[in-house]
Amino acid sequence: MNVLWRTILVLFRARRRHRRGDTLAYDDIGRIRLTTLPTDIDLLRHMNNGRYLSLFDLGRWDFTTRTGLSDVFRDNGWYAVVANETISFRRSLQLWQRFELETRWLGYDDRALFLEHRAIVGSEIAARAVIRARILRRGGGSVTHDELFSAMGISGGFPEVPAWVHDWAAAASLPSTRQSAPRDWQDTPRRG
């Protein structure tokens, strides 16, 4: 429930900032300030590793609202879903610690867009996540990059993502929903 209230607060603030002209370009870096709350910590008294990705959603809500992308989605009946995500931790966030959440677009591949999130303490990265998101139609099917970029008013698209991001996305992907994805652990050696 805690993240739901934070989401509503972030959306309210982002919409207010957008209305007041505090907007972001698609190639800008979105920044919001957050605090590690008691509901974010685990038994080791630092932020639970699973909570980071939930809080990084807040950065995407702020970013899509302030860039106007949420309006593009609403007007066209589109929405984004996370297809892959990976996170790396460098430093723990402690109870009541304030940090800045940075969000930016990395680029795209043939089917999805890539975003990066960073939890920043002072001038140091505490954690970083890379997200691969697909844009879908409410009526079914995917939105092409040409449609998306045209609706966003972008010519030339986003920059090319680093090669390791393509490699990660290919290695981490599951088969399409139109293909079989058996639950067998055939690719993992078993020990007696």
N, C-alpha and C. Protein backbone atom coordinates (compact mmCIF):
# COMPACT_ATOMS: atom_id res chain seq x y z
N MET A 1 0.82 -1.19 0.00
CA MET A 1 0.00 0.00 0.00
C MET A 1 0.86 1.26 0.00
N ASN A 2 2.01 1.19 0.66
CA ASN A 2 2.90 2.34 0.77
C ASN A 2 3.30 2.87 -0.60
N VAL A 3 3.67 1.98 -1.53
CA VAL A 3 4.12 2.44 -2.85
C VAL A 3 2.95 3.03 -3.63
N LEU A 4 1.74 2.54 -3.41
CA LEU A 4 0.57 3.12 -4.08
C LEU A 4 0.41 4.60 -3.70
N TRP A 5 0.51 4.92 -2.41
CA TRP A 5 0.39 6.31 -1.98
C TRP A 5 1.54 7.16 -2.52
N ARG A 6 2.73 6.60 -2.56
CA ARG A 6 3.87 7.33 -3.12
C ARG A 6 3.66 7.57 -4.61
N THR A 7 3.10 6.58 -5.32
CA THR A 7 2.82 6.74 -6.76
C THR A 7 1.83 7.87 -6.99
N ILE A 8 0.77 7.88 -6.21
CA ILE A 8 -0.23 8.95 -6.35
C ILE A 8 0.41 10.31 -6.09
N LEU A 9 1.26 10.41 -5.06
CA LEU A 9 1.93 11.66 -4.75
C LEU A 9 2.87 12.08 -5.88
N VAL A 10 3.66 11.14 -6.41
CA VAL A 10 4.58 11.45 -7.51
C VAL A 10 3.80 11.90 -8.74
N LEU A 11 2.72 11.21 -9.07
CA LEU A 11 1.91 11.61 -10.23
C LEU A 11 1.31 13.00 -10.04
N PHE A 12 0.79 13.28 -8.86
CA PHE A 12 0.24 14.60 -8.57
C PHE A 12 1.30 15.69 -8.76
N ARG A 13 2.48 15.48 -8.18
CA ARG A 13 3.55 16.47 -8.30
C ARG A 13 4.03 16.61 -9.74
N ALA A 14 4.15 15.49 -10.45
CA ALA A 14 4.62 15.53 -11.84
C ALA A 14 3.62 16.27 -12.73
N ARG A 15 2.34 16.01 -12.54
CA ARG A 15 1.32 16.72 -13.34
C ARG A 15 1.33 18.21 -13.04
N ARG A 16 1.47 18.55 -11.76
CA ARG A 16 1.53 19.97 -11.38
C ARG A 16 2.75 20.63 -12.00
N ARG A 17 3.90 19.98 -11.95
CA ARG A 17 5.11 20.54 -12.55
C ARG A 17 4.95 20.69 -14.06
N HIS A 18 4.35 19.68 -14.69
CA HIS A 18 4.15 19.73 -16.14
C HIS A 18 3.23 20.90 -16.52
N ARG A 19 2.15 21.08 -15.78
CA ARG A 19 1.23 22.21 -16.04
C ARG A 19 1.92 23.56 -15.86
N ARG A 20 2.85 23.63 -14.92
CA ARG A 20 3.56 24.89 -14.64
C ARG A 20 4.73 25.13 -15.60
N GLY A 21 4.93 24.22 -16.55
CA GLY A 21 5.99 24.40 -17.53
C GLY A 21 7.31 23.75 -17.16
N ASP A 22 7.34 23.04 -16.05
CA ASP A 22 8.56 22.34 -15.63
C ASP A 22 8.56 20.97 -16.30
N THR A 23 8.80 20.97 -17.61
CA THR A 23 8.73 19.75 -18.40
C THR A 23 10.13 19.22 -18.68
N LEU A 24 10.16 18.01 -19.22
CA LEU A 24 11.41 17.38 -19.60
C LEU A 24 11.37 17.05 -21.08
N ALA A 25 12.49 17.19 -21.77
CA ALA A 25 12.63 16.67 -23.12
C ALA A 25 12.91 15.18 -23.01
N TYR A 26 12.67 14.46 -24.09
CA TYR A 26 12.86 13.02 -24.05
C TYR A 26 14.30 12.60 -23.79
N ASP A 27 15.25 13.48 -24.11
CA ASP A 27 16.65 13.13 -23.87
C ASP A 27 17.19 13.74 -22.58
N ASP A 28 16.30 14.31 -21.74
CA ASP A 28 16.69 14.83 -20.44
C ASP A 28 16.77 13.69 -19.41
N ILE A 29 17.28 14.04 -18.25
CA ILE A 29 17.31 13.12 -17.12
C ILE A 29 16.29 13.60 -16.10
N GLY A 30 15.34 12.73 -15.76
CA GLY A 30 14.35 13.06 -14.74
C GLY A 30 14.94 12.79 -13.37
N ARG A 31 14.61 13.67 -12.41
CA ARG A 31 15.13 13.51 -11.05
C ARG A 31 14.02 13.76 -10.04
N ILE A 32 13.90 12.85 -9.08
CA ILE A 32 12.99 13.05 -7.96
C ILE A 32 13.73 12.66 -6.69
N ARG A 33 13.36 13.29 -5.57
CA ARG A 33 13.96 12.99 -4.27
C ARG A 33 13.07 12.02 -3.53
N LEU A 34 13.68 11.01 -2.94
CA LEU A 34 12.96 10.02 -2.15
C LEU A 34 13.69 9.79 -0.84
N THR A 35 12.99 9.17 0.09
CA THR A 35 13.56 8.80 1.38
C THR A 35 13.27 7.33 1.64
N THR A 36 14.23 6.63 2.19
CA THR A 36 14.03 5.23 2.57
C THR A 36 13.15 5.20 3.82
N LEU A 37 11.97 4.65 3.69
CA LEU A 37 10.99 4.61 4.78
C LEU A 37 11.06 3.28 5.52
N PRO A 38 10.47 3.20 6.71
CA PRO A 38 10.47 1.94 7.46
C PRO A 38 9.86 0.78 6.66
N THR A 39 8.90 1.07 5.79
CA THR A 39 8.28 0.01 4.98
C THR A 39 9.19 -0.45 3.83
N ASP A 40 10.31 0.22 3.62
CA ASP A 40 11.25 -0.14 2.54
C ASP A 40 12.38 -1.05 3.02
N ILE A 41 12.56 -1.15 4.33
CA ILE A 41 13.74 -1.87 4.82
C ILE A 41 13.43 -3.34 5.10
N ASP A 42 14.49 -4.14 5.18
CA ASP A 42 14.35 -5.56 5.50
C ASP A 42 14.96 -5.84 6.87
N LEU A 43 15.14 -7.10 7.19
CA LEU A 43 15.66 -7.48 8.51
C LEU A 43 17.10 -7.01 8.74
N LEU A 44 17.81 -6.71 7.68
CA LEU A 44 19.19 -6.22 7.81
C LEU A 44 19.24 -4.70 7.98
N ARG A 45 18.07 -4.08 8.09
CA ARG A 45 17.93 -2.65 8.35
C ARG A 45 18.44 -1.75 7.22
N HIS A 46 18.39 -2.25 6.00
CA HIS A 46 18.65 -1.41 4.84
C HIS A 46 17.54 -1.67 3.83
N MET A 47 17.51 -0.88 2.74
CA MET A 47 16.41 -1.05 1.78
C MET A 47 16.43 -2.45 1.20
N ASN A 48 15.27 -3.07 1.20
CA ASN A 48 15.10 -4.40 0.65
C ASN A 48 15.39 -4.37 -0.85
N ASN A 49 16.11 -5.36 -1.34
CA ASN A 49 16.49 -5.36 -2.74
C ASN A 49 15.28 -5.33 -3.67
N GLY A 50 14.18 -5.94 -3.30
CA GLY A 50 12.98 -5.94 -4.13
C GLY A 50 12.30 -4.58 -4.19
N ARG A 51 12.53 -3.74 -3.20
CA ARG A 51 11.86 -2.44 -3.14
C ARG A 51 12.43 -1.46 -4.17
N TYR A 52 13.71 -1.61 -4.51
CA TYR A 52 14.33 -0.69 -5.47
C TYR A 52 13.52 -0.61 -6.76
N LEU A 53 13.19 -1.76 -7.34
CA LEU A 53 12.48 -1.75 -8.62
C LEU A 53 11.09 -1.12 -8.48
N SER A 54 10.44 -1.33 -7.34
CA SER A 54 9.14 -0.69 -7.11
C SER A 54 9.29 0.83 -7.05
N LEU A 55 10.34 1.30 -6.37
CA LEU A 55 10.56 2.74 -6.27
C LEU A 55 11.03 3.32 -7.61
N PHE A 56 11.77 2.53 -8.39
CA PHE A 56 12.19 3.02 -9.70
C PHE A 56 10.99 3.25 -10.62
N ASP A 57 9.89 2.53 -10.38
CA ASP A 57 8.64 2.82 -11.10
C ASP A 57 8.24 4.27 -10.92
N LEU A 58 8.47 4.82 -9.74
CA LEU A 58 8.12 6.21 -9.46
C LEU A 58 8.87 7.15 -10.40
N GLY A 59 10.12 6.84 -10.67
CA GLY A 59 10.89 7.64 -11.61
C GLY A 59 10.31 7.60 -13.00
N ARG A 60 9.82 6.42 -13.42
CA ARG A 60 9.19 6.31 -14.75
C ARG A 60 7.89 7.08 -14.81
N TRP A 61 7.10 7.04 -13.73
CA TRP A 61 5.85 7.82 -13.71
C TRP A 61 6.15 9.32 -13.84
N ASP A 62 7.12 9.80 -13.08
CA ASP A 62 7.50 11.20 -13.16
C ASP A 62 8.00 11.55 -14.56
N PHE A 63 8.89 10.72 -15.10
CA PHE A 63 9.50 10.98 -16.40
C PHE A 63 8.46 10.99 -17.52
N THR A 64 7.59 9.97 -17.56
CA THR A 64 6.60 9.92 -18.65
C THR A 64 5.58 11.06 -18.53
N THR A 65 5.27 11.47 -17.33
CA THR A 65 4.33 12.58 -17.15
C THR A 65 4.96 13.89 -17.57
N ARG A 66 6.17 14.17 -17.11
CA ARG A 66 6.81 15.46 -17.38
C ARG A 66 7.30 15.61 -18.82
N THR A 67 7.53 14.49 -19.51
CA THR A 67 7.89 14.57 -20.94
C THR A 67 6.65 14.68 -21.81
N GLY A 68 5.48 14.41 -21.26
CA GLY A 68 4.25 14.39 -22.04
C GLY A 68 3.97 13.03 -22.65
N LEU A 69 4.85 12.07 -22.41
CA LEU A 69 4.65 10.73 -22.97
C LEU A 69 3.38 10.08 -22.43
N SER A 70 3.02 10.34 -21.19
CA SER A 70 1.79 9.76 -20.65
C SER A 70 0.57 10.29 -21.40
N ASP A 71 0.62 11.55 -21.87
CA ASP A 71 -0.47 12.09 -22.69
C ASP A 71 -0.54 11.39 -24.04
N VAL A 72 0.62 11.11 -24.63
CA VAL A 72 0.69 10.38 -25.90
C VAL A 72 0.07 9.00 -25.72
N PHE A 73 0.43 8.33 -24.64
CA PHE A 73 -0.13 7.00 -24.37
C PHE A 73 -1.65 7.09 -24.22
N ARG A 74 -2.12 8.02 -23.41
CA ARG A 74 -3.56 8.15 -23.17
C ARG A 74 -4.31 8.46 -24.46
N ASP A 75 -3.80 9.42 -25.24
CA ASP A 75 -4.48 9.84 -26.46
C ASP A 75 -4.56 8.73 -27.51
N ASN A 76 -3.61 7.81 -27.49
CA ASN A 76 -3.55 6.75 -28.50
C ASN A 76 -4.01 5.39 -27.99
N GLY A 77 -4.35 5.30 -26.71
CA GLY A 77 -4.76 4.01 -26.16
C GLY A 77 -3.60 3.04 -26.04
N TRP A 78 -2.43 3.55 -25.69
CA TRP A 78 -1.22 2.73 -25.55
C TRP A 78 -0.84 2.66 -24.07
N TYR A 79 0.01 1.69 -23.77
CA TYR A 79 0.57 1.58 -22.43
C TYR A 79 1.90 0.82 -22.52
N ALA A 80 2.73 1.00 -21.52
CA ALA A 80 4.05 0.36 -21.49
C ALA A 80 4.04 -0.78 -20.49
N VAL A 81 4.75 -1.85 -20.84
CA VAL A 81 4.95 -2.97 -19.91
C VAL A 81 6.44 -3.28 -19.87
N VAL A 82 6.91 -3.66 -18.70
CA VAL A 82 8.31 -4.04 -18.55
C VAL A 82 8.48 -5.47 -19.07
N ALA A 83 9.44 -5.65 -19.97
CA ALA A 83 9.73 -6.97 -20.54
C ALA A 83 10.93 -7.61 -19.84
N ASN A 84 11.92 -6.81 -19.50
CA ASN A 84 13.12 -7.28 -18.80
C ASN A 84 13.58 -6.18 -17.87
N GLU A 85 14.24 -6.57 -16.81
CA GLU A 85 14.89 -5.59 -15.95
C GLU A 85 16.03 -6.26 -15.20
N THR A 86 17.06 -5.48 -14.97
CA THR A 86 18.19 -5.97 -14.20
C THR A 86 18.67 -4.84 -13.31
N ILE A 87 19.19 -5.19 -12.17
CA ILE A 87 19.64 -4.17 -11.22
C ILE A 87 20.97 -4.58 -10.62
N SER A 88 21.81 -3.59 -10.38
CA SER A 88 23.09 -3.81 -9.72
C SER A 88 23.16 -2.89 -8.51
N PHE A 89 23.68 -3.44 -7.41
CA PHE A 89 23.77 -2.68 -6.16
C PHE A 89 25.22 -2.39 -5.85
N ARG A 90 25.47 -1.19 -5.37
CA ARG A 90 26.82 -0.78 -5.02
C ARG A 90 26.93 -0.42 -3.55
N ARG A 91 25.89 0.23 -3.04
CA ARG A 91 25.89 0.71 -1.65
C ARG A 91 24.46 0.62 -1.11
N SER A 92 24.32 0.20 0.13
CA SER A 92 22.99 0.07 0.74
C SER A 92 22.40 1.44 1.06
N LEU A 93 21.09 1.53 0.94
CA LEU A 93 20.37 2.72 1.39
C LEU A 93 19.79 2.40 2.76
N GLN A 94 20.08 3.25 3.73
CA GLN A 94 19.70 3.02 5.13
C GLN A 94 18.36 3.70 5.44
N LEU A 95 17.77 3.30 6.54
CA LEU A 95 16.51 3.88 7.00
C LEU A 95 16.63 5.40 7.11
N TRP A 96 15.65 6.11 6.58
CA TRP A 96 15.52 7.57 6.57
C TRP A 96 16.54 8.25 5.66
N GLN A 97 17.32 7.49 4.93
CA GLN A 97 18.30 8.10 4.03
C GLN A 97 17.61 8.71 2.82
N ARG A 98 17.98 9.94 2.53
CA ARG A 98 17.44 10.61 1.33
C ARG A 98 18.34 10.26 0.16
N PHE A 99 17.71 10.11 -1.00
CA PHE A 99 18.46 9.83 -2.21
C PHE A 99 17.70 10.41 -3.40
N GLU A 100 18.43 10.59 -4.46
CA GLU A 100 17.84 11.11 -5.69
C GLU A 100 17.69 9.96 -6.67
N LEU A 101 16.53 9.86 -7.29
CA LEU A 101 16.27 8.86 -8.30
C LEU A 101 16.35 9.53 -9.67
N GLU A 102 17.28 9.07 -10.49
CA GLU A 102 17.45 9.60 -11.84
C GLU A 102 16.90 8.59 -12.85
N THR A 103 16.22 9.11 -13.87
CA THR A 103 15.64 8.28 -14.92
C THR A 103 15.97 8.89 -16.27
N ARG A 104 16.38 8.03 -17.22
CA ARG A 104 16.62 8.51 -18.58
C ARG A 104 16.37 7.38 -19.57
N TRP A 105 16.07 7.78 -20.81
CA TRP A 105 15.98 6.81 -21.90
C TRP A 105 17.38 6.45 -22.35
N LEU A 106 17.62 5.16 -22.57
CA LEU A 106 18.90 4.72 -23.11
C LEU A 106 18.85 4.57 -24.62
N GLY A 107 17.75 4.08 -25.15
CA GLY A 107 17.63 3.84 -26.58
C GLY A 107 16.58 2.78 -26.84
N TYR A 108 16.76 2.04 -27.93
CA TYR A 108 15.77 1.03 -28.29
C TYR A 108 16.41 -0.08 -29.11
N ASP A 109 15.68 -1.21 -29.20
CA ASP A 109 16.06 -2.28 -30.10
C ASP A 109 14.90 -2.47 -31.08
N ASP A 110 14.82 -3.61 -31.74
CA ASP A 110 13.78 -3.80 -32.74
C ASP A 110 12.37 -3.89 -32.16
N ARG A 111 12.21 -4.17 -30.86
CA ARG A 111 10.88 -4.36 -30.28
C ARG A 111 10.59 -3.51 -29.06
N ALA A 112 11.59 -2.92 -28.44
CA ALA A 112 11.36 -2.30 -27.13
C ALA A 112 12.24 -1.08 -26.93
N LEU A 113 11.92 -0.33 -25.87
CA LEU A 113 12.70 0.83 -25.45
C LEU A 113 13.46 0.47 -24.19
N PHE A 114 14.60 1.11 -23.98
CA PHE A 114 15.42 0.87 -22.79
C PHE A 114 15.50 2.14 -21.96
N LEU A 115 15.36 1.98 -20.65
CA LEU A 115 15.51 3.08 -19.70
C LEU A 115 16.55 2.70 -18.67
N GLU A 116 17.12 3.71 -18.07
CA GLU A 116 18.07 3.50 -16.98
C GLU A 116 17.60 4.29 -15.77
N HIS A 117 17.70 3.67 -14.60
CA HIS A 117 17.40 4.32 -13.32
C HIS A 117 18.65 4.25 -12.46
N ARG A 118 18.87 5.31 -11.70
CA ARG A 118 19.99 5.33 -10.76
C ARG A 118 19.51 5.89 -9.44
N ALA A 119 19.89 5.23 -8.36
CA ALA A 119 19.69 5.77 -7.00
C ALA A 119 21.01 6.46 -6.64
N ILE A 120 20.94 7.77 -6.40
CA ILE A 120 22.14 8.58 -6.18
C ILE A 120 22.14 9.10 -4.74
N VAL A 121 23.26 8.91 -4.05
CA VAL A 121 23.47 9.47 -2.72
C VAL A 121 24.67 10.39 -2.83
N GLY A 122 24.45 11.67 -2.58
CA GLY A 122 25.51 12.66 -2.79
C GLY A 122 25.80 12.72 -4.29
N SER A 123 27.02 12.37 -4.66
CA SER A 123 27.37 12.33 -6.08
C SER A 123 27.73 10.91 -6.52
N GLU A 124 27.35 9.93 -5.71
CA GLU A 124 27.71 8.53 -5.97
C GLU A 124 26.49 7.68 -6.31
N ILE A 125 26.66 6.73 -7.22
CA ILE A 125 25.61 5.79 -7.57
C ILE A 125 25.54 4.70 -6.51
N ALA A 126 24.36 4.51 -5.93
CA ALA A 126 24.15 3.43 -4.96
C ALA A 126 23.61 2.18 -5.65
N ALA A 127 22.76 2.37 -6.66
CA ALA A 127 22.19 1.25 -7.40
C ALA A 127 21.80 1.74 -8.79
N ARG A 128 21.84 0.81 -9.75
CA ARG A 128 21.46 1.15 -11.13
C ARG A 128 20.64 0.01 -11.70
N ALA A 129 19.58 0.37 -12.42
CA ALA A 129 18.75 -0.64 -13.08
C ALA A 129 18.60 -0.27 -14.55
N VAL A 130 18.53 -1.28 -15.38
CA VAL A 130 18.22 -1.12 -16.80
C VAL A 130 16.90 -1.84 -17.04
N ILE A 131 15.98 -1.15 -17.69
CA ILE A 131 14.64 -1.64 -17.94
C ILE A 131 14.41 -1.70 -19.44
N ARG A 132 13.83 -2.80 -19.91
CA ARG A 132 13.42 -2.94 -21.31
C ARG A 132 11.90 -2.98 -21.31
N ALA A 133 11.28 -2.00 -21.97
CA ALA A 133 9.82 -1.87 -21.95
C ALA A 133 9.25 -1.93 -23.36
N ARG A 134 8.13 -2.61 -23.49
CA ARG A 134 7.40 -2.67 -24.75
C ARG A 134 6.19 -1.76 -24.67
N ILE A 135 5.82 -1.20 -25.80
CA ILE A 135 4.64 -0.33 -25.87
C ILE A 135 3.55 -1.13 -26.58
N LEU A 136 2.41 -1.28 -25.90
CA LEU A 136 1.30 -2.08 -26.41
C LEU A 136 0.05 -1.24 -26.60
N ARG A 137 -0.86 -1.76 -27.42
CA ARG A 137 -2.16 -1.11 -27.64
C ARG A 137 -3.20 -1.73 -26.69
N ARG A 138 -4.08 -0.90 -26.17
CA ARG A 138 -5.14 -1.43 -25.31
C ARG A 138 -6.01 -2.43 -26.07
N GLY A 139 -6.16 -2.24 -27.36
CA GLY A 139 -6.97 -3.15 -28.17
C GLY A 139 -6.22 -4.39 -28.61
N GLY A 140 -4.94 -4.51 -28.25
CA GLY A 140 -4.12 -5.66 -28.62
C GLY A 140 -3.06 -5.30 -29.64
N GLY A 141 -1.93 -5.94 -29.55
CA GLY A 141 -0.83 -5.73 -30.48
C GLY A 141 0.18 -4.72 -29.96
N SER A 142 1.28 -4.63 -30.68
CA SER A 142 2.39 -3.74 -30.30
C SER A 142 2.35 -2.45 -31.10
N VAL A 143 2.93 -1.41 -30.53
CA VAL A 143 3.10 -0.13 -31.20
C VAL A 143 4.49 -0.13 -31.84
N THR A 144 4.56 0.22 -33.11
CA THR A 144 5.85 0.26 -33.78
C THR A 144 6.63 1.50 -33.32
N HIS A 145 7.93 1.43 -33.46
CA HIS A 145 8.75 2.59 -33.09
C HIS A 145 8.40 3.79 -33.96
N ASP A 146 8.15 3.57 -35.25
CA ASP A 146 7.79 4.69 -36.13
C ASP A 146 6.53 5.39 -35.64
N GLU A 147 5.51 4.61 -35.23
CA GLU A 147 4.28 5.20 -34.68
C GLU A 147 4.57 5.97 -33.41
N LEU A 148 5.34 5.36 -32.52
CA LEU A 148 5.66 5.99 -31.24
C LEU A 148 6.43 7.29 -31.45
N PHE A 149 7.51 7.23 -32.23
CA PHE A 149 8.34 8.41 -32.43
C PHE A 149 7.56 9.52 -33.12
N SER A 150 6.70 9.16 -34.07
CA SER A 150 5.87 10.16 -34.75
C SER A 150 4.93 10.84 -33.76
N ALA A 151 4.27 10.04 -32.91
CA ALA A 151 3.35 10.60 -31.91
C ALA A 151 4.08 11.45 -30.89
N MET A 152 5.35 11.13 -30.62
CA MET A 152 6.15 11.89 -29.67
C MET A 152 6.76 13.13 -30.30
N GLY A 153 6.69 13.23 -31.64
CA GLY A 153 7.30 14.37 -32.32
C GLY A 153 8.81 14.25 -32.41
N ILE A 154 9.31 13.03 -32.44
CA ILE A 154 10.75 12.80 -32.50
C ILE A 154 11.12 12.31 -33.88
N SER A 155 12.09 12.96 -34.48
CA SER A 155 12.63 12.46 -35.75
C SER A 155 14.01 11.93 -35.47
N GLY A 156 14.31 10.75 -35.95
CA GLY A 156 15.62 10.16 -35.74
C GLY A 156 15.68 9.23 -34.56
N GLY A 157 14.63 9.17 -33.74
CA GLY A 157 14.59 8.21 -32.64
C GLY A 157 15.57 8.52 -31.52
N PHE A 158 15.83 7.51 -30.73
CA PHE A 158 16.72 7.60 -29.59
C PHE A 158 18.11 7.14 -29.99
N PRO A 159 19.09 7.40 -29.16
CA PRO A 159 20.44 6.92 -29.47
C PRO A 159 20.53 5.40 -29.41
N GLU A 160 21.54 4.85 -30.04
CA GLU A 160 21.79 3.41 -30.00
C GLU A 160 22.27 3.02 -28.60
N VAL A 161 21.74 1.93 -28.09
CA VAL A 161 22.14 1.48 -26.76
C VAL A 161 23.46 0.72 -26.84
N PRO A 162 24.19 0.67 -25.74
CA PRO A 162 25.46 -0.08 -25.74
C PRO A 162 25.25 -1.55 -26.09
N ALA A 163 26.25 -2.17 -26.66
CA ALA A 163 26.17 -3.57 -27.10
C ALA A 163 25.82 -4.51 -25.95
N TRP A 164 26.36 -4.24 -24.74
CA TRP A 164 26.09 -5.14 -23.63
C TRP A 164 24.61 -5.17 -23.27
N VAL A 165 23.89 -4.07 -23.51
CA VAL A 165 22.46 -4.03 -23.22
C VAL A 165 21.71 -4.95 -24.18
N HIS A 166 22.08 -4.92 -25.46
CA HIS A 166 21.49 -5.85 -26.43
C HIS A 166 21.77 -7.30 -26.03
N ASP A 167 23.01 -7.58 -25.64
CA ASP A 167 23.39 -8.94 -25.23
C ASP A 167 22.58 -9.39 -24.02
N TRP A 168 22.44 -8.50 -23.03
CA TRP A 168 21.66 -8.81 -21.83
C TRP A 168 20.20 -9.08 -22.19
N ALA A 169 19.61 -8.23 -23.03
CA ALA A 169 18.20 -8.39 -23.39
C ALA A 169 17.98 -9.73 -24.10
N ALA A 170 18.89 -10.07 -25.00
CA ALA A 170 18.76 -11.35 -25.72
C ALA A 170 18.91 -12.54 -24.77
N ALA A 171 19.86 -12.45 -23.86
CA ALA A 171 20.11 -13.56 -22.94
C ALA A 171 19.00 -13.71 -21.89
N ALA A 172 18.37 -12.61 -21.51
CA ALA A 172 17.37 -12.64 -20.44
C ALA A 172 15.94 -12.85 -20.94
N SER A 173 15.72 -12.74 -22.24
CA SER A 173 14.37 -12.82 -22.78
C SER A 173 13.79 -14.22 -22.69
N LEU A 174 12.49 -14.27 -22.50
CA LEU A 174 11.73 -15.51 -22.57
C LEU A 174 11.08 -15.59 -23.95
N PRO A 175 10.61 -16.77 -24.35
CA PRO A 175 9.93 -16.87 -25.65
C PRO A 175 8.68 -16.00 -25.69
N SER A 176 8.27 -15.64 -26.88
CA SER A 176 7.03 -14.90 -27.09
C SER A 176 5.86 -15.67 -26.49
N THR A 177 4.78 -14.97 -26.18
CA THR A 177 3.59 -15.64 -25.65
C THR A 177 2.95 -16.54 -26.69
N ARG A 178 3.32 -16.39 -27.95
CA ARG A 178 2.82 -17.25 -29.02
C ARG A 178 3.62 -18.55 -29.14
N GLN A 179 4.70 -18.64 -28.38
CA GLN A 179 5.55 -19.83 -28.41
C GLN A 179 5.46 -20.55 -27.07
N SER A 180 5.89 -21.79 -27.08
CA SER A 180 5.90 -22.58 -25.87
C SER A 180 7.05 -22.14 -24.96
N ALA A 181 6.81 -22.17 -23.67
CA ALA A 181 7.84 -21.88 -22.67
C ALA A 181 7.72 -22.91 -21.56
N PRO A 182 8.14 -24.15 -21.83
CA PRO A 182 7.97 -25.21 -20.83
C PRO A 182 8.71 -24.93 -19.53
N ARG A 183 8.18 -25.45 -18.47
CA ARG A 183 8.75 -25.20 -17.15
C ARG A 183 9.92 -26.11 -16.82
N ASP A 184 10.29 -27.00 -17.71
CA ASP A 184 11.39 -27.93 -17.47
C ASP A 184 12.70 -27.19 -17.23
N TRP A 185 13.52 -27.73 -16.37
CA TRP A 185 14.82 -27.16 -16.05
C TRP A 185 15.89 -27.88 -16.86
N GLN A 186 15.66 -28.08 -18.12
CA GLN A 186 16.57 -28.85 -18.96
C GLN A 186 17.93 -28.20 -19.15
N ASP A 187 17.98 -26.91 -19.08
CA ASP A 187 19.25 -26.20 -19.31
C ASP A 187 20.09 -26.06 -18.05
N THR A 188 19.60 -26.59 -16.92
CA THR A 188 20.32 -26.46 -15.66
C THR A 188 20.75 -27.84 -15.18
N PRO A 189 22.06 -28.05 -14.96
CA PRO A 189 22.49 -29.34 -14.44
C PRO A 189 21.93 -29.60 -13.05
N ARG A 190 21.51 -30.81 -12.82
CA ARG A 190 20.95 -31.18 -11.50
C ARG A 190 21.98 -31.94 -10.70
N ARG A 191 21.95 -31.71 -9.43
CA ARG A 191 22.85 -32.44 -8.52
C ARG A 191 22.00 -33.33 -7.64
N GLY A 192 22.51 -34.54 -7.38
CA GLY A 192 21.80 -35.56 -6.62
C GLY A 192 21.39 -35.13 -5.30
